[in-house]
């Protein structure tokens, strides 16, 4: 599945401040951004995947346009899908991306 390259470029702009800690990988047929080896967020089609802290998961799902991530028929814990329709606003996109960044940076770095 392809992903929305225009929105992905906006996400890249938001994440650019993380420099060497940031890596981009093809995942789920889309693209994902990793910080210190931990997934922060990704794009799948027009939607944004956001990894959230377990304590914030239910609150995140209650946000407009958010739903569970069940790509394989199994719900991925702590990953929220934000509908592409909700991503037109730069502040809303940045807020979701920063949610993923905060969680990824709260985790220990993964070894290469």
PDB file of N, CA and C in Angstrom:
ATOM      1  N   UNK A   1       0.851  -1.182   0.000  1.00  0.00           N
ATOM      2  CA  UNK A   1       0.000   0.000   0.000  1.00  0.00           C
ATOM      3  C   UNK A   1       0.893   1.240   0.000  1.00  0.00           C
ATOM      4  N   UNK A   2       0.591   2.172  -0.850  1.00  0.00           N
ATOM      5  CA  UNK A   2       1.330   3.426  -0.910  1.00  0.00           C
ATOM      6  C   UNK A   2       0.904   4.327   0.243  1.00  0.00           C
ATOM      7  N   UNK A   3       1.634   5.389   0.421  1.00  0.00           N
ATOM      8  CA  UNK A   3       1.288   6.345   1.465  1.00  0.00           C
ATOM      9  C   UNK A   3       1.278   7.747   0.884  1.00  0.00           C
ATOM     10  N   UNK A   4       0.608   8.644   1.580  1.00  0.00           N
ATOM     11  CA  UNK A   4       0.469  10.031   1.142  1.00  0.00           C
ATOM     12  C   UNK A   4       1.813  10.739   1.294  1.00  0.00           C
ATOM     13  N   UNK A   5       2.483  10.928   0.179  1.00  0.00           N
ATOM     14  CA  UNK A   5       3.835  11.505   0.202  1.00  0.00           C
ATOM     15  C   UNK A   5       3.824  12.960   0.685  1.00  0.00           C
ATOM     16  N   UNK A   6       2.775  13.709   0.380  1.00  0.00           N
ATOM     17  CA  UNK A   6       2.718  15.107   0.823  1.00  0.00           C
ATOM     18  C   UNK A   6       2.646  15.190   2.348  1.00  0.00           C
ATOM     19  N   UNK A   7       1.806  14.354   2.957  1.00  0.00           N
ATOM     20  CA  UNK A   7       1.723  14.350   4.418  1.00  0.00           C
ATOM     21  C   UNK A   7       3.008  13.800   5.014  1.00  0.00           C
ATOM     22  N   UNK A   8       3.590  12.780   4.390  1.00  0.00           N
ATOM     23  CA  UNK A   8       4.860  12.228   4.876  1.00  0.00           C
ATOM     24  C   UNK A   8       5.945  13.302   4.881  1.00  0.00           C
ATOM     25  N   UNK A   9       5.954  14.156   3.879  1.00  0.00           N
ATOM     26  CA  UNK A   9       6.948  15.229   3.829  1.00  0.00           C
ATOM     27  C   UNK A   9       6.720  16.228   4.963  1.00  0.00           C
ATOM     28  N   UNK A  10       5.480  16.499   5.289  1.00  0.00           N
ATOM     29  CA  UNK A  10       5.180  17.384   6.423  1.00  0.00           C
ATOM     30  C   UNK A  10       5.653  16.748   7.732  1.00  0.00           C
ATOM     31  N   UNK A  11       5.466  15.427   7.859  1.00  0.00           N
ATOM     32  CA  UNK A  11       5.957  14.731   9.053  1.00  0.00           C
ATOM     33  C   UNK A  11       7.481  14.813   9.112  1.00  0.00           C
ATOM     34  N   UNK A  12       8.148  14.602   7.988  1.00  0.00           N
ATOM     35  CA  UNK A  12       9.616  14.712   7.945  1.00  0.00           C
ATOM     36  C   UNK A  12      10.077  16.089   8.419  1.00  0.00           C
ATOM     37  N   UNK A  13       9.367  17.133   8.000  1.00  0.00           N
ATOM     38  CA  UNK A  13       9.722  18.494   8.422  1.00  0.00           C
ATOM     39  C   UNK A  13       9.611  18.641   9.945  1.00  0.00           C
ATOM     40  N   UNK A  14       8.572  18.061  10.527  1.00  0.00           N
ATOM     41  CA  UNK A  14       8.379  18.131  11.978  1.00  0.00           C
ATOM     42  C   UNK A  14       9.496  17.378  12.698  1.00  0.00           C
ATOM     43  N   UNK A  15       9.871  16.234  12.152  1.00  0.00           N
ATOM     44  CA  UNK A  15      10.864  15.369  12.798  1.00  0.00           C
ATOM     45  C   UNK A  15      12.314  15.769  12.535  1.00  0.00           C
ATOM     46  N   UNK A  16      12.537  16.692  11.617  1.00  0.00           N
ATOM     47  CA  UNK A  16      13.898  17.055  11.210  1.00  0.00           C
ATOM     48  C   UNK A  16      14.773  17.498  12.381  1.00  0.00           C
ATOM     49  N   UNK A  17      14.201  18.054  13.426  1.00  0.00           N
ATOM     50  CA  UNK A  17      14.996  18.531  14.562  1.00  0.00           C
ATOM     51  C   UNK A  17      15.693  17.391  15.308  1.00  0.00           C
ATOM     52  N   UNK A  18      15.287  16.157  15.048  1.00  0.00           N
ATOM     53  CA  UNK A  18      15.861  15.020  15.770  1.00  0.00           C
ATOM     54  C   UNK A  18      17.120  14.466  15.117  1.00  0.00           C
ATOM     55  N   UNK A  19      17.503  14.991  13.971  1.00  0.00           N
ATOM     56  CA  UNK A  19      18.774  14.693  13.325  1.00  0.00           C
ATOM     57  C   UNK A  19      19.171  13.228  13.313  1.00  0.00           C
ATOM     58  N   UNK A  20      20.331  12.946  13.908  1.00  0.00           N
ATOM     59  CA  UNK A  20      20.915  11.603  13.860  1.00  0.00           C
ATOM     60  C   UNK A  20      20.129  10.557  14.637  1.00  0.00           C
ATOM     61  N   UNK A  21      19.246  10.980  15.522  1.00  0.00           N
ATOM     62  CA  UNK A  21      18.436  10.019  16.275  1.00  0.00           C
ATOM     63  C   UNK A  21      17.296   9.446  15.433  1.00  0.00           C
ATOM     64  N   UNK A  22      17.036  10.056  14.287  1.00  0.00           N
ATOM     65  CA  UNK A  22      15.890   9.723  13.444  1.00  0.00           C
ATOM     66  C   UNK A  22      16.290   8.770  12.322  1.00  0.00           C
ATOM     67  N   UNK A  23      15.461   7.765  12.092  1.00  0.00           N
ATOM     68  CA  UNK A  23      15.623   6.867  10.944  1.00  0.00           C
ATOM     69  C   UNK A  23      14.250   6.659  10.316  1.00  0.00           C
ATOM     70  N   UNK A  24      14.245   6.494   9.013  1.00  0.00           N
ATOM     71  CA  UNK A  24      13.011   6.238   8.280  1.00  0.00           C
ATOM     72  C   UNK A  24      13.096   4.835   7.698  1.00  0.00           C
ATOM     73  N   UNK A  25      12.019   4.065   7.858  1.00  0.00           N
ATOM     74  CA  UNK A  25      11.996   2.686   7.374  1.00  0.00           C
ATOM     75  C   UNK A  25      10.671   2.393   6.685  1.00  0.00           C
ATOM     76  N   UNK A  26      10.746   1.531   5.691  1.00  0.00           N
ATOM     77  CA  UNK A  26       9.523   1.022   5.070  1.00  0.00           C
ATOM     78  C   UNK A  26       8.928  -0.006   6.030  1.00  0.00           C
ATOM     79  N   UNK A  27       7.658   0.160   6.366  1.00  0.00           N
ATOM     80  CA  UNK A  27       6.950  -0.758   7.260  1.00  0.00           C
ATOM     81  C   UNK A  27       5.479  -0.802   6.898  1.00  0.00           C
ATOM     82  N   UNK A  28       4.871  -1.954   7.050  1.00  0.00           N
ATOM     83  CA  UNK A  28       3.428  -2.121   6.869  1.00  0.00           C
ATOM     84  C   UNK A  28       2.967  -1.698   5.467  1.00  0.00           C
ATOM     85  N   UNK A  29       3.857  -1.657   4.503  1.00  0.00           N
ATOM     86  CA  UNK A  29       3.503  -1.166   3.184  1.00  0.00           C
ATOM     87  C   UNK A  29       3.494   0.346   3.111  1.00  0.00           C
ATOM     88  N   UNK A  30       3.948   0.986   4.157  1.00  0.00           N
ATOM     89  CA  UNK A  30       4.045   2.446   4.214  1.00  0.00           C
ATOM     90  C   UNK A  30       5.436   2.836   4.674  1.00  0.00           C
ATOM     91  N   UNK A  31       5.503   3.841   5.509  1.00  0.00           N
ATOM     92  CA  UNK A  31       6.779   4.325   6.026  1.00  0.00           C
ATOM     93  C   UNK A  31       6.623   4.578   7.523  1.00  0.00           C
ATOM     94  N   UNK A  32       7.706   4.341   8.267  1.00  0.00           N
ATOM     95  CA  UNK A  32       7.693   4.604   9.711  1.00  0.00           C
ATOM     96  C   UNK A  32       8.936   5.386  10.078  1.00  0.00           C
ATOM     97  N   UNK A  33       8.822   6.195  11.120  1.00  0.00           N
ATOM     98  CA  UNK A  33       9.946   6.973  11.625  1.00  0.00           C
ATOM     99  C   UNK A  33      10.308   6.460  13.005  1.00  0.00           C
ATOM    100  N   UNK A  34      11.577   6.191  13.169  1.00  0.00           N
ATOM    101  CA  UNK A  34      12.104   5.623  14.390  1.00  0.00           C
ATOM    102  C   UNK A  34      13.024   6.647  15.060  1.00  0.00           C
ATOM    103  N   UNK A  35      12.938   6.707  16.361  1.00  0.00           N
ATOM    104  CA  UNK A  35      13.852   7.537  17.142  1.00  0.00           C
ATOM    105  C   UNK A  35      14.597   6.618  18.102  1.00  0.00           C
ATOM    106  N   UNK A  36      15.895   6.614  17.989  1.00  0.00           N
ATOM    107  CA  UNK A  36      16.750   5.723  18.785  1.00  0.00           C
ATOM    108  C   UNK A  36      16.285   4.273  18.670  1.00  0.00           C
ATOM    109  N   UNK A  37      15.794   3.908  17.489  1.00  0.00           N
ATOM    110  CA  UNK A  37      15.380   2.542  17.227  1.00  0.00           C
ATOM    111  C   UNK A  37      13.952   2.211  17.602  1.00  0.00           C
ATOM    112  N   UNK A  38      13.215   3.139  18.182  1.00  0.00           N
ATOM    113  CA  UNK A  38      11.831   2.915  18.597  1.00  0.00           C
ATOM    114  C   UNK A  38      10.888   3.672  17.673  1.00  0.00           C
ATOM    115  N   UNK A  39       9.845   2.984  17.196  1.00  0.00           N
ATOM    116  CA  UNK A  39       8.890   3.634  16.309  1.00  0.00           C
ATOM    117  C   UNK A  39       8.155   4.752  17.040  1.00  0.00           C
ATOM    118  N   UNK A  40       8.114   5.911  16.397  1.00  0.00           N
ATOM    119  CA  UNK A  40       7.353   7.050  16.912  1.00  0.00           C
ATOM    120  C   UNK A  40       6.030   7.166  16.163  1.00  0.00           C
ATOM    121  N   UNK A  41       6.102   7.131  14.825  1.00  0.00           N
ATOM    122  CA  UNK A  41       4.909   7.279  14.005  1.00  0.00           C
ATOM    123  C   UNK A  41       5.193   6.752  12.606  1.00  0.00           C
ATOM    124  N   UNK A  42       4.150   6.702  11.796  1.00  0.00           N
ATOM    125  CA  UNK A  42       4.304   6.232  10.430  1.00  0.00           C
ATOM    126  C   UNK A  42       3.114   6.643   9.584  1.00  0.00           C
ATOM    127  N   UNK A  43       3.249   6.401   8.300  1.00  0.00           N
ATOM    128  CA  UNK A  43       2.167   6.689   7.355  1.00  0.00           C
ATOM    129  C   UNK A  43       1.776   5.391   6.668  1.00  0.00           C
ATOM    130  N   UNK A  44       0.487   5.168   6.579  1.00  0.00           N
ATOM    131  CA  UNK A  44      -0.071   4.027   5.863  1.00  0.00           C
ATOM    132  C   UNK A  44      -1.264   4.551   5.081  1.00  0.00           C
ATOM    133  N   UNK A  45      -1.140   4.601   3.792  1.00  0.00           N
ATOM    134  CA  UNK A  45      -2.172   5.246   2.979  1.00  0.00           C
ATOM    135  C   UNK A  45      -2.212   6.726   3.322  1.00  0.00           C
ATOM    136  N   UNK A  46      -3.396   7.225   3.614  1.00  0.00           N
ATOM    137  CA  UNK A  46      -3.553   8.635   4.004  1.00  0.00           C
ATOM    138  C   UNK A  46      -3.495   8.821   5.516  1.00  0.00           C
ATOM    139  N   UNK A  47      -3.375   7.725   6.239  1.00  0.00           N
ATOM    140  CA  UNK A  47      -3.482   7.767   7.694  1.00  0.00           C
ATOM    141  C   UNK A  47      -2.120   7.823   8.383  1.00  0.00           C
ATOM    142  N   UNK A  48      -2.126   8.399   9.572  1.00  0.00           N
ATOM    143  CA  UNK A  48      -0.935   8.474  10.402  1.00  0.00           C
ATOM    144  C   UNK A  48      -1.044   7.432  11.506  1.00  0.00           C
ATOM    145  N   UNK A  49      -0.007   6.642  11.680  1.00  0.00           N
ATOM    146  CA  UNK A  49       0.081   5.702  12.797  1.00  0.00           C
ATOM    147  C   UNK A  49       0.885   6.389  13.883  1.00  0.00           C
ATOM    148  N   UNK A  50       0.394   6.370  15.102  1.00  0.00           N
ATOM    149  CA  UNK A  50       1.068   7.041  16.207  1.00  0.00           C
ATOM    150  C   UNK A  50       1.212   6.064  17.359  1.00  0.00           C
ATOM    151  N   UNK A  51       2.431   5.904  17.824  1.00  0.00           N
ATOM    152  CA  UNK A  51       2.669   5.069  18.994  1.00  0.00           C
ATOM    153  C   UNK A  51       2.497   5.942  20.233  1.00  0.00           C
ATOM    154  N   UNK A  52       1.643   5.503  21.146  1.00  0.00           N
ATOM    155  CA  UNK A  52       1.326   6.310  22.322  1.00  0.00           C
ATOM    156  C   UNK A  52       1.667   5.552  23.597  1.00  0.00           C
ATOM    157  N   UNK A  53       1.875   6.302  24.648  1.00  0.00           N
ATOM    158  CA  UNK A  53       2.140   5.703  25.960  1.00  0.00           C
ATOM    159  C   UNK A  53       0.915   4.887  26.371  1.00  0.00           C
ATOM    160  N   UNK A  54       1.118   3.706  26.980  1.00  0.00           N
ATOM    161  CA  UNK A  54      -0.028   2.882  27.390  1.00  0.00           C
ATOM    162  C   UNK A  54      -1.051   3.630  28.241  1.00  0.00           C
ATOM    163  N   UNK A  55      -0.600   4.537  29.089  1.00  0.00           N
ATOM    164  CA  UNK A  55      -1.531   5.295  29.932  1.00  0.00           C
ATOM    165  C   UNK A  55      -2.375   6.276  29.134  1.00  0.00           C
ATOM    166  N   UNK A  56      -1.920   6.646  27.937  1.00  0.00           N
ATOM    167  CA  UNK A  56      -2.626   7.619  27.097  1.00  0.00           C
ATOM    168  C   UNK A  56      -3.431   6.979  25.974  1.00  0.00           C
ATOM    169  N   UNK A  57      -3.371   5.654  25.864  1.00  0.00           N
ATOM    170  CA  UNK A  57      -3.981   4.950  24.740  1.00  0.00           C
ATOM    171  C   UNK A  57      -5.491   5.195  24.633  1.00  0.00           C
ATOM    172  N   UNK A  58      -6.221   4.982  25.686  1.00  0.00           N
ATOM    173  CA  UNK A  58      -7.680   5.151  25.637  1.00  0.00           C
ATOM    174  C   UNK A  58      -8.060   6.601  25.352  1.00  0.00           C
ATOM    175  N   UNK A  59      -7.346   7.551  25.956  1.00  0.00           N
ATOM    176  CA  UNK A  59      -7.609   8.964  25.694  1.00  0.00           C
ATOM    177  C   UNK A  59      -7.363   9.295  24.228  1.00  0.00           C
ATOM    178  N   UNK A  60      -6.280   8.752  23.667  1.00  0.00           N
ATOM    179  CA  UNK A  60      -5.961   9.007  22.261  1.00  0.00           C
ATOM    180  C   UNK A  60      -7.050   8.434  21.352  1.00  0.00           C
ATOM    181  N   UNK A  61      -7.539   7.250  21.675  1.00  0.00           N
ATOM    182  CA  UNK A  61      -8.601   6.645  20.870  1.00  0.00           C
ATOM    183  C   UNK A  61      -9.895   7.449  20.907  1.00  0.00           C
ATOM    184  N   UNK A  62     -10.098   8.222  21.953  1.00  0.00           N
ATOM    185  CA  UNK A  62     -11.311   9.034  22.081  1.00  0.00           C
ATOM    186  C   UNK A  62     -11.258  10.302  21.228  1.00  0.00           C
ATOM    187  N   UNK A  63     -10.088  10.624  20.683  1.00  0.00           N
ATOM    188  CA  UNK A  63      -9.948  11.827  19.854  1.00  0.00           C
ATOM    189  C   UNK A  63     -10.665  11.627  18.519  1.00  0.00           C
ATOM    190  N   UNK A  64     -11.209  12.702  17.940  1.00  0.00           N
ATOM    191  CA  UNK A  64     -11.874  12.583  16.636  1.00  0.00           C
ATOM    192  C   UNK A  64     -10.920  12.044  15.573  1.00  0.00           C
ATOM    193  N   UNK A  65     -11.396  11.085  14.801  1.00  0.00           N
ATOM    194  CA  UNK A  65     -10.606  10.525  13.709  1.00  0.00           C
ATOM    195  C   UNK A  65      -9.628   9.444  14.115  1.00  0.00           C
ATOM    196  N   UNK A  66      -9.562   9.101  15.401  1.00  0.00           N
ATOM    197  CA  UNK A  66      -8.618   8.088  15.872  1.00  0.00           C
ATOM    198  C   UNK A  66      -9.316   6.732  15.993  1.00  0.00           C
ATOM    199  N   UNK A  67      -8.558   5.683  15.713  1.00  0.00           N
ATOM    200  CA  UNK A  67      -9.085   4.322  15.842  1.00  0.00           C
ATOM    201  C   UNK A  67      -7.933   3.361  16.149  1.00  0.00           C
ATOM    202  N   UNK A  68      -8.280   2.134  16.488  1.00  0.00           N
ATOM    203  CA  UNK A  68      -7.260   1.129  16.793  1.00  0.00           C
ATOM    204  C   UNK A  68      -6.547   0.723  15.510  1.00  0.00           C
ATOM    205  N   UNK A  69      -5.341   0.235  15.668  1.00  0.00           N
ATOM    206  CA  UNK A  69      -4.548  -0.272  14.543  1.00  0.00           C
ATOM    207  C   UNK A  69      -4.630  -1.786  14.569  1.00  0.00           C
ATOM    208  N   UNK A  70      -5.335  -2.343  13.579  1.00  0.00           N
ATOM    209  CA  UNK A  70      -5.489  -3.795  13.515  1.00  0.00           C
ATOM    210  C   UNK A  70      -5.139  -4.300  12.123  1.00  0.00           C
ATOM    211  N   UNK A  71      -3.980  -3.946  11.656  1.00  0.00           N
ATOM    212  CA  UNK A  71      -3.500  -4.242  10.303  1.00  0.00           C
ATOM    213  C   UNK A  71      -3.558  -5.733   9.974  1.00  0.00           C
ATOM    214  N   UNK A  72      -3.228  -6.589  10.920  1.00  0.00           N
ATOM    215  CA  UNK A  72      -3.184  -8.032  10.666  1.00  0.00           C
ATOM    216  C   UNK A  72      -4.392  -8.765  11.241  1.00  0.00           C
ATOM    217  N   UNK A  73      -5.384  -8.035  11.692  1.00  0.00           N
ATOM    218  CA  UNK A  73      -6.529  -8.653  12.338  1.00  0.00           C
ATOM    219  C   UNK A  73      -6.368  -8.735  13.846  1.00  0.00           C
ATOM    220  N   UNK A  74      -5.180  -8.371  14.314  1.00  0.00           N
ATOM    221  CA  UNK A  74      -4.897  -8.295  15.752  1.00  0.00           C
ATOM    222  C   UNK A  74      -4.620  -6.840  16.091  1.00  0.00           C
ATOM    223  N   UNK A  75      -5.194  -6.369  17.167  1.00  0.00           N
ATOM    224  CA  UNK A  75      -4.984  -4.976  17.564  1.00  0.00           C
ATOM    225  C   UNK A  75      -3.548  -4.798  18.042  1.00  0.00           C
ATOM    226  N   UNK A  76      -2.875  -3.799  17.484  1.00  0.00           N
ATOM    227  CA  UNK A  76      -1.521  -3.460  17.917  1.00  0.00           C
ATOM    228  C   UNK A  76      -1.653  -2.541  19.127  1.00  0.00           C
ATOM    229  N   UNK A  77      -1.173  -3.019  20.250  1.00  0.00           N
ATOM    230  CA  UNK A  77      -1.284  -2.227  21.474  1.00  0.00           C
ATOM    231  C   UNK A  77      -0.463  -0.949  21.363  1.00  0.00           C
ATOM    232  N   UNK A  78      -1.043   0.110  21.870  1.00  0.00           N
ATOM    233  CA  UNK A  78      -0.391   1.407  21.969  1.00  0.00           C
ATOM    234  C   UNK A  78      -0.125   2.077  20.621  1.00  0.00           C
ATOM    235  N   UNK A  79      -0.792   1.629  19.569  1.00  0.00           N
ATOM    236  CA  UNK A  79      -0.694   2.300  18.276  1.00  0.00           C
ATOM    237  C   UNK A  79      -2.094   2.760  17.887  1.00  0.00           C
ATOM    238  N   UNK A  80      -2.192   4.041  17.575  1.00  0.00           N
ATOM    239  CA  UNK A  80      -3.454   4.654  17.181  1.00  0.00           C
ATOM    240  C   UNK A  80      -3.335   5.067  15.720  1.00  0.00           C
ATOM    241  N   UNK A  81      -4.386   4.852  14.965  1.00  0.00           N
ATOM    242  CA  UNK A  81      -4.457   5.315  13.581  1.00  0.00           C
ATOM    243  C   UNK A  81      -5.264   6.598  13.565  1.00  0.00           C
ATOM    244  N   UNK A  82      -4.684   7.643  12.992  1.00  0.00           N
ATOM    245  CA  UNK A  82      -5.378   8.916  12.865  1.00  0.00           C
ATOM    246  C   UNK A  82      -5.754   9.087  11.399  1.00  0.00           C
ATOM    247  N   UNK A  83      -7.025   9.242  11.139  1.00  0.00           N
ATOM    248  CA  UNK A  83      -7.546   9.383   9.789  1.00  0.00           C
ATOM    249  C   UNK A  83      -6.883  10.550   9.063  1.00  0.00           C
ATOM    250  N   UNK A  84      -6.544  10.313   7.807  1.00  0.00           N
ATOM    251  CA  UNK A  84      -5.924  11.356   7.000  1.00  0.00           C
ATOM    252  C   UNK A  84      -6.740  12.629   6.915  1.00  0.00           C
ATOM    253  N   UNK A  85      -8.059  12.510   7.075  1.00  0.00           N
ATOM    254  CA  UNK A  85      -8.936  13.682   7.044  1.00  0.00           C
ATOM    255  C   UNK A  85      -8.640  14.640   8.192  1.00  0.00           C
ATOM    256  N   UNK A  86      -8.043  14.130   9.280  1.00  0.00           N
ATOM    257  CA  UNK A  86      -7.750  14.949  10.458  1.00  0.00           C
ATOM    258  C   UNK A  86      -6.364  15.601  10.379  1.00  0.00           C
ATOM    259  N   UNK A  87      -5.616  15.341   9.322  1.00  0.00           N
ATOM    260  CA  UNK A  87      -4.221  15.761   9.275  1.00  0.00           C
ATOM    261  C   UNK A  87      -3.962  17.010   8.437  1.00  0.00           C
ATOM    262  N   UNK A  88      -4.991  17.642   7.914  1.00  0.00           N
ATOM    263  CA  UNK A  88      -4.809  18.833   7.090  1.00  0.00           C
ATOM    264  C   UNK A  88      -4.273  20.008   7.904  1.00  0.00           C
ATOM    265  N   UNK A  89      -4.673  20.070   9.175  1.00  0.00           N
ATOM    266  CA  UNK A  89      -4.239  21.159  10.050  1.00  0.00           C
ATOM    267  C   UNK A  89      -2.824  20.872  10.562  1.00  0.00           C
ATOM    268  N   UNK A  90      -1.891  21.803  10.319  1.00  0.00           N
ATOM    269  CA  UNK A  90      -0.494  21.603  10.716  1.00  0.00           C
ATOM    270  C   UNK A  90      -0.334  21.395  12.216  1.00  0.00           C
ATOM    271  N   UNK A  91      -1.102  22.124  13.010  1.00  0.00           N
ATOM    272  CA  UNK A  91      -0.987  21.980  14.470  1.00  0.00           C
ATOM    273  C   UNK A  91      -1.462  20.609  14.936  1.00  0.00           C
ATOM    274  N   UNK A  92      -2.538  20.125  14.349  1.00  0.00           N
ATOM    275  CA  UNK A  92      -3.042  18.807  14.746  1.00  0.00           C
ATOM    276  C   UNK A  92      -2.052  17.715  14.334  1.00  0.00           C
ATOM    277  N   UNK A  93      -1.517  17.811  13.124  1.00  0.00           N
ATOM    278  CA  UNK A  93      -0.509  16.842  12.684  1.00  0.00           C
ATOM    279  C   UNK A  93       0.695  16.878  13.612  1.00  0.00           C
ATOM    280  N   UNK A  94       1.206  18.070  13.904  1.00  0.00           N
ATOM    281  CA  UNK A  94       2.364  18.198  14.783  1.00  0.00           C
ATOM    282  C   UNK A  94       2.083  17.635  16.173  1.00  0.00           C
ATOM    283  N   UNK A  95       0.882  17.853  16.683  1.00  0.00           N
ATOM    284  CA  UNK A  95       0.529  17.327  17.996  1.00  0.00           C
ATOM    285  C   UNK A  95       0.583  15.812  18.031  1.00  0.00           C
ATOM    286  N   UNK A  96       0.042  15.174  16.995  1.00  0.00           N
ATOM    287  CA  UNK A  96       0.082  13.711  16.939  1.00  0.00           C
ATOM    288  C   UNK A  96       1.513  13.204  16.792  1.00  0.00           C
ATOM    289  N   UNK A  97       2.272  13.839  15.904  1.00  0.00           N
ATOM    290  CA  UNK A  97       3.660  13.411  15.706  1.00  0.00           C
ATOM    291  C   UNK A  97       4.439  13.553  17.005  1.00  0.00           C
ATOM    292  N   UNK A  98       4.271  14.663  17.703  1.00  0.00           N
ATOM    293  CA  UNK A  98       4.991  14.876  18.964  1.00  0.00           C
ATOM    294  C   UNK A  98       4.556  13.885  20.047  1.00  0.00           C
ATOM    295  N   UNK A  99       3.316  13.430  19.996  1.00  0.00           N
ATOM    296  CA  UNK A  99       2.878  12.384  20.919  1.00  0.00           C
ATOM    297  C   UNK A  99       3.703  11.117  20.693  1.00  0.00           C
ATOM    298  N   UNK A 100       3.870  10.746  19.437  1.00  0.00           N
ATOM    299  CA  UNK A 100       4.688   9.583  19.106  1.00  0.00           C
ATOM    300  C   UNK A 100       6.142   9.774  19.464  1.00  0.00           C
ATOM    301  N   UNK A 101       6.664  10.964  19.229  1.00  0.00           N
ATOM    302  CA  UNK A 101       8.053  11.285  19.563  1.00  0.00           C
ATOM    303  C   UNK A 101       8.282  11.151  21.066  1.00  0.00           C
ATOM    304  N   UNK A 102       7.381  11.719  21.847  1.00  0.00           N
ATOM    305  CA  UNK A 102       7.540  11.672  23.300  1.00  0.00           C
ATOM    306  C   UNK A 102       7.587  10.241  23.803  1.00  0.00           C
ATOM    307  N   UNK A 103       6.721   9.385  23.261  1.00  0.00           N
ATOM    308  CA  UNK A 103       6.732   8.001  23.716  1.00  0.00           C
ATOM    309  C   UNK A 103       8.003   7.283  23.262  1.00  0.00           C
ATOM    310  N   UNK A 104       8.374   7.450  22.007  1.00  0.00           N
ATOM    311  CA  UNK A 104       9.584   6.777  21.506  1.00  0.00           C
ATOM    312  C   UNK A 104      10.818   7.190  22.307  1.00  0.00           C
ATOM    313  N   UNK A 105      10.913   8.462  22.643  1.00  0.00           N
ATOM    314  CA  UNK A 105      12.077   8.940  23.399  1.00  0.00           C
ATOM    315  C   UNK A 105      12.040   8.541  24.867  1.00  0.00           C
ATOM    316  N   UNK A 106      10.874   8.110  25.355  1.00  0.00           N
ATOM    317  CA  UNK A 106      10.777   7.668  26.744  1.00  0.00           C
ATOM    318  C   UNK A 106      11.286   6.225  26.912  1.00  0.00           C
ATOM    319  N   UNK A 107      11.467   5.540  25.795  1.00  0.00           N
ATOM    320  CA  UNK A 107      11.908   4.144  25.820  1.00  0.00           C
ATOM    321  C   UNK A 107      13.433   4.058  25.750  1.00  0.00           C
ATOM    322  N   UNK A 108      14.007   2.980  26.274  1.00  0.00           N
ATOM    323  CA  UNK A 108      15.457   2.815  26.131  1.00  0.00           C
ATOM    324  C   UNK A 108      15.825   2.663  24.653  1.00  0.00           C
ATOM    325  N   UNK A 109      16.971   3.200  24.236  1.00  0.00           N
ATOM    326  CA  UNK A 109      17.398   3.019  22.851  1.00  0.00           C
ATOM    327  C   UNK A 109      17.575   1.534  22.533  1.00  0.00           C
ATOM    328  N   UNK A 110      17.235   1.177  21.305  1.00  0.00           N
ATOM    329  CA  UNK A 110      17.447  -0.197  20.856  1.00  0.00           C
ATOM    330  C   UNK A 110      18.854  -0.328  20.305  1.00  0.00           C
ATOM    331  N   UNK A 111      19.455  -1.456  20.553  1.00  0.00           N
ATOM    332  CA  UNK A 111      20.804  -1.712  20.030  1.00  0.00           C
ATOM    333  C   UNK A 111      20.711  -2.043  18.541  1.00  0.00           C
ATOM    334  N   UNK A 112      21.734  -1.654  17.832  1.00  0.00           N
ATOM    335  CA  UNK A 112      21.785  -1.950  16.390  1.00  0.00           C
ATOM    336  C   UNK A 112      22.391  -3.300  16.159  1.00  0.00           C
TER     337      UNK A 112
END
